[in-house]
C-alpha atoms as a PDB file:
ATOM      1  CA  MET A   1     -24.511   3.452   8.252  1.00  0.00           C
ATOM      2  CA  GLU A   2     -24.076   5.998  10.087  1.00  0.00           C
ATOM      3  CA  TYR A   3     -20.270   5.423  11.690  1.00  0.00           C
ATOM      4  CA  GLU A   4     -18.804   6.567  14.721  1.00  0.00           C
ATOM      5  CA  ILE A   5     -15.330   7.595  15.604  1.00  0.00           C
ATOM      6  CA  THR A   6     -13.828   6.910  19.351  1.00  0.00           C
ATOM      7  CA  PHE A   7     -11.125   7.675  21.103  1.00  0.00           C
ATOM      8  CA  ASP A   8      -8.834   5.414  23.441  1.00  0.00           C
ATOM      9  CA  GLU A   9      -5.704   6.307  24.836  1.00  0.00           C
ATOM     10  CA  LYS A  10      -4.420   2.417  25.492  1.00  0.00           C
ATOM     11  CA  PRO A  11      -5.901   0.283  22.841  1.00  0.00           C
ATOM     12  CA  ALA A  12      -6.121  -3.327  22.681  1.00  0.00           C
ATOM     13  CA  ALA A  13      -2.972  -5.077  20.581  1.00  0.00           C
ATOM     14  CA  GLU A  14      -6.315  -6.891  19.300  1.00  0.00           C
ATOM     15  CA  GLU A  15      -7.756  -3.254  17.568  1.00  0.00           C
ATOM     16  CA  ILE A  16      -4.802  -2.631  16.844  1.00  0.00           C
ATOM     17  CA  ALA A  17      -4.047  -6.086  15.089  1.00  0.00           C
ATOM     18  CA  VAL A  18      -7.296  -5.146  13.137  1.00  0.00           C
ATOM     19  CA  LEU A  19      -5.833  -2.127  11.484  1.00  0.00           C
ATOM     20  CA  GLY A  20      -2.796  -3.934  10.046  1.00  0.00           C
ATOM     21  CA  GLN A  21      -4.426  -7.153   9.068  1.00  0.00           C
ATOM     22  CA  GLY A  22      -6.928  -4.669   7.287  1.00  0.00           C
ATOM     23  CA  LEU A  23      -3.309  -2.685   5.402  1.00  0.00           C
ATOM     24  CA  HIS A  24      -2.116  -6.287   5.140  1.00  0.00           C
ATOM     25  CA  THR A  25      -6.318  -7.362   3.228  1.00  0.00           C
ATOM     26  CA  TYR A  26      -5.618  -4.199   1.305  1.00  0.00           C
ATOM     27  CA  GLY A  27      -1.692  -4.986  -0.191  1.00  0.00           C
ATOM     28  CA  GLU A  28      -2.079  -7.956  -0.841  1.00  0.00           C
ATOM     29  CA  ALA A  29      -4.899  -6.665  -3.021  1.00  0.00           C
ATOM     30  CA  ILE A  30      -2.278  -4.767  -4.944  1.00  0.00           C
ATOM     31  CA  PHE A  31       1.089  -7.058  -5.172  1.00  0.00           C
ATOM     32  CA  GLY A  32      -0.326 -10.944  -4.151  1.00  0.00           C
ATOM     33  CA  PRO A  33       0.511 -12.203  -1.093  1.00  0.00           C
ATOM     34  CA  THR A  34       3.624 -10.883   0.917  1.00  0.00           C
ATOM     35  CA  TRP A  35       5.596 -12.490   3.524  1.00  0.00           C
ATOM     36  CA  SER A  36       7.934 -11.140   6.279  1.00  0.00           C
ATOM     37  CA  ARG A  37      10.906 -12.607   8.540  1.00  0.00           C
ATOM     38  CA  SER A  38      12.043 -10.962  11.973  1.00  0.00           C
ATOM     39  CA  ILE A  39      16.086 -12.116  12.432  1.00  0.00           C
ATOM     40  CA  ALA A  40      17.856 -10.466  14.677  1.00  0.00           C
ATOM     41  CA  TYR A  41      22.033 -11.759  16.186  1.00  0.00           C
ATOM     42  CA  PHE A  42      23.090 -10.832  19.555  1.00  0.00           C
ATOM     43  CA  LEU A  43      26.465 -10.268  21.419  1.00  0.00           C
ATOM     44  CA  ARG A  44      26.605 -12.145  24.001  1.00  0.00           C
ATOM     45  CA  GLU A  45      29.223 -12.262  27.181  1.00  0.00           C
ATOM     46  CA  PRO A  46      30.628 -15.118  28.405  1.00  0.00           C
ATOM     47  CA  GLY A  47      27.927 -16.293  30.758  1.00  0.00           C
ATOM     48  CA  GLY A  48      24.817 -15.394  28.421  1.00  0.00           C
ATOM     49  CA  LYS A  49      24.083 -12.067  29.174  1.00  0.00           C
ATOM     50  CA  ILE A  50      23.441  -9.606  26.137  1.00  0.00           C
ATOM     51  CA  ALA A  51      25.692  -7.321  24.992  1.00  0.00           C
ATOM     52  CA  GLY A  52      24.251  -5.901  22.356  1.00  0.00           C
ATOM     53  CA  GLY A  53      22.430  -7.017  18.766  1.00  0.00           C
ATOM     54  CA  VAL A  54      20.488  -6.169  15.898  1.00  0.00           C
ATOM     55  CA  TYR A  55      17.202  -6.943  15.180  1.00  0.00           C
ATOM     56  CA  GLY A  56      15.191  -6.151  12.179  1.00  0.00           C
ATOM     57  CA  HIS A  57      13.244  -7.413   8.797  1.00  0.00           C
ATOM     58  CA  TYR A  58      13.017  -8.230   4.965  1.00  0.00           C
ATOM     59  CA  GLY A  59      10.381  -9.215   2.793  1.00  0.00           C
ATOM     60  CA  SER A  60       7.950 -10.107  -0.079  1.00  0.00           C
ATOM     61  CA  PHE A  61       9.528  -6.187  -1.177  1.00  0.00           C
ATOM     62  CA  ASN A  62      13.474  -7.194  -0.628  1.00  0.00           C
ATOM     63  CA  TRP A  63      14.118  -4.804   1.396  1.00  0.00           C
ATOM     64  CA  LEU A  64      16.042  -4.990   4.509  1.00  0.00           C
ATOM     65  CA  TYR A  65      14.914  -2.683   7.991  1.00  0.00           C
ATOM     66  CA  ILE A  66      17.158  -2.842  11.060  1.00  0.00           C
ATOM     67  CA  ASP A  67      15.189  -1.796  13.483  1.00  0.00           C
ATOM     68  CA  THR A  68      17.581  -1.943  16.681  1.00  0.00           C
ATOM     69  CA  LEU A  69      21.441  -1.481  16.730  1.00  0.00           C
ATOM     70  CA  TRP A  70      23.138  -1.363  20.319  1.00  0.00           C
ATOM     71  CA  VAL A  71      26.314  -2.288  21.232  1.00  0.00           C
ATOM     72  CA  SER A  72      26.493  -1.753  25.027  1.00  0.00           C
ATOM     73  CA  GLU A  73      28.738   0.642  26.580  1.00  0.00           C
ATOM     74  CA  GLU A  74      31.406  -1.727  27.856  1.00  0.00           C
ATOM     75  CA  VAL A  75      32.413  -2.781  23.872  1.00  0.00           C
ATOM     76  CA  ARG A  76      31.731  -0.192  22.103  1.00  0.00           C
ATOM     77  CA  GLY A  77      33.921   1.321  19.444  1.00  0.00           C
ATOM     78  CA  SER A  78      35.599  -2.930  19.332  1.00  0.00           C
ATOM     79  CA  GLY A  79      34.182  -3.279  16.424  1.00  0.00           C
ATOM     80  CA  HIS A  80      31.131  -5.173  17.431  1.00  0.00           C
ATOM     81  CA  GLY A  81      28.473  -3.167  16.437  1.00  0.00           C
ATOM     82  CA  SER A  82      29.949  -3.259  12.998  1.00  0.00           C
ATOM     83  CA  ARG A  83      30.261  -6.837  12.527  1.00  0.00           C
ATOM     84  CA  LEU A  84      26.246  -7.194  13.611  1.00  0.00           C
ATOM     85  CA  ILE A  85      25.146  -4.702  10.678  1.00  0.00           C
ATOM     86  CA  ASP A  86      28.122  -7.304   8.216  1.00  0.00           C
ATOM     87  CA  LEU A  87      25.870 -10.010   9.558  1.00  0.00           C
ATOM     88  CA  ILE A  88      22.276  -9.122   9.137  1.00  0.00           C
ATOM     89  CA  GLU A  89      23.267  -7.101   6.277  1.00  0.00           C
ATOM     90  CA  THR A  90      24.455 -11.064   4.325  1.00  0.00           C
ATOM     91  CA  GLU A  91      22.005 -12.862   5.555  1.00  0.00           C
ATOM     92  CA  ALA A  92      18.987 -10.286   3.805  1.00  0.00           C
ATOM     93  CA  ALA A  93      20.913 -11.008   0.681  1.00  0.00           C
ATOM     94  CA  ARG A  94      21.335 -14.270   1.214  1.00  0.00           C
ATOM     95  CA  ASN A  95      17.423 -13.983   0.959  1.00  0.00           C
ATOM     96  CA  SER A  96      17.535 -11.839  -1.926  1.00  0.00           C
ATOM     97  CA  CYS A  97      17.268  -8.024  -0.575  1.00  0.00           C
ATOM     98  CA  THR A  98      18.317  -5.748  -2.784  1.00  0.00           C
ATOM     99  CA  ASN A  99      18.757  -2.949  -0.360  1.00  0.00           C
ATOM    100  CA  VAL A 100      18.596  -1.783   3.349  1.00  0.00           C
ATOM    101  CA  TYR A 101      17.477   1.011   5.752  1.00  0.00           C
ATOM    102  CA  LEU A 102      16.546   2.072   8.750  1.00  0.00           C
ATOM    103  CA  ASP A 103      16.471   5.634  10.734  1.00  0.00           C
ATOM    104  CA  THR A 104      18.924   6.186  13.597  1.00  0.00           C
ATOM    105  CA  PHE A 105      18.927  10.592  15.415  1.00  0.00           C
ATOM    106  CA  SER A 106      21.586  12.707  15.084  1.00  0.00           C
ATOM    107  CA  PHE A 107      22.871  12.339  18.161  1.00  0.00           C
ATOM    108  CA  GLN A 108      23.456   8.513  17.914  1.00  0.00           C
ATOM    109  CA  ALA A 109      24.969   7.075  14.916  1.00  0.00           C
ATOM    110  CA  PRO A 110      24.693   9.132  11.889  1.00  0.00           C
ATOM    111  CA  GLU A 111      28.757   8.853  11.333  1.00  0.00           C
ATOM    112  CA  PHE A 112      29.000   5.166  12.337  1.00  0.00           C
ATOM    113  CA  TYR A 113      26.076   3.841   9.715  1.00  0.00           C
ATOM    114  CA  LYS A 114      28.185   7.106   7.194  1.00  0.00           C
ATOM    115  CA  LYS A 115      31.524   5.287   7.407  1.00  0.00           C
ATOM    116  CA  LEU A 116      29.956   1.590   6.159  1.00  0.00           C
ATOM    117  CA  GLY A 117      28.193   3.450   3.090  1.00  0.00           C
ATOM    118  CA  TYR A 118      25.271   4.313   3.728  1.00  0.00           C
ATOM    119  CA  GLU A 119      23.944   7.224   2.322  1.00  0.00           C
ATOM    120  CA  VAL A 120      21.328   9.766   4.107  1.00  0.00           C
ATOM    121  CA  PHE A 121      17.541   9.660   2.094  1.00  0.00           C
ATOM    122  CA  GLY A 122      16.065  12.089   4.277  1.00  0.00           C
ATOM    123  CA  LYS A 123      15.564  13.916   7.309  1.00  0.00           C
ATOM    124  CA  LEU A 124      12.844  15.456  10.410  1.00  0.00           C
ATOM    125  CA  ASP A 125      14.592  18.619  11.749  1.00  0.00           C
ATOM    126  CA  ASP A 126      14.011  18.753  15.916  1.00  0.00           C
ATOM    127  CA  PHE A 127      12.880  15.396  16.249  1.00  0.00           C
ATOM    128  CA  PRO A 128      13.638  15.669  19.043  1.00  0.00           C
ATOM    129  CA  PRO A 129      13.731  19.245  19.407  1.00  0.00           C
ATOM    130  CA  GLY A 130      17.600  20.652  18.656  1.00  0.00           C
ATOM    131  CA  HIS A 131      18.471  17.406  17.742  1.00  0.00           C
ATOM    132  CA  SER A 132      17.502  15.607  14.582  1.00  0.00           C
ATOM    133  CA  ARG A 133      15.617  11.847  13.048  1.00  0.00           C
ATOM    134  CA  ILE A 134      17.769  10.059  10.268  1.00  0.00           C
ATOM    135  CA  PHE A 135      16.684   7.996   7.446  1.00  0.00           C
ATOM    136  CA  MET A 136      20.059   6.539   5.280  1.00  0.00           C
ATOM    137  CA  THR A 137      19.772   3.487   3.007  1.00  0.00           C
ATOM    138  CA  LYS A 138      22.317   1.498   1.139  1.00  0.00           C
ATOM    139  CA  SER A 139      22.076  -1.624  -1.255  1.00  0.00           C
ATOM    140  CA  LEU A 140      23.416  -4.424  -0.491  1.00  0.00           C
ATOM    141  CA  SER A 141      25.852  -6.537  -2.877  1.00  0.00           C
ATOM    142  CA  PRO A 142      24.425  -9.796  -4.532  1.00  0.00           C
ATOM    143  CA  VAL A 143      26.482 -13.421  -2.233  1.00  0.00           C
ATOM    144  CA  ASP A 144      27.447 -16.053  -2.821  1.00  0.00           C
ATOM    145  CA  ILE A 145      25.657 -19.010  -1.162  1.00  0.00           C
ATOM    146  CA  HIS A 146      27.226 -21.752  -3.193  1.00  0.00           C
END
């Protein structure tokens, strides 16, 4: 059989899902069935409008990945970001996670994360030009859930 490589500037979600499923099936052949759970905490104004939040996921390998942390400029610096990180880390630790990782940019929050115990394990310079993308990790403490 002769295969053809095609280019698509706007691939359909269903086609991208085929790639993800193929990779998932390959991993299951090595590790057995795996699972993943998404979690989020939101900081809301009295009327319910979102003023910040943290989103991530964890799963079979006992690692939490923090995908997004954002706090609006109006309340930034008032401890809400630290509290959101604490909440998501605690929830992940309750669910057997032993480590967490994330990435940030040099112009965003690397010093904030360092104050929370995160350490740099990788860095891409000039991503974007003149800045760096920084990858950080931290070990989670076991949580007593009794």
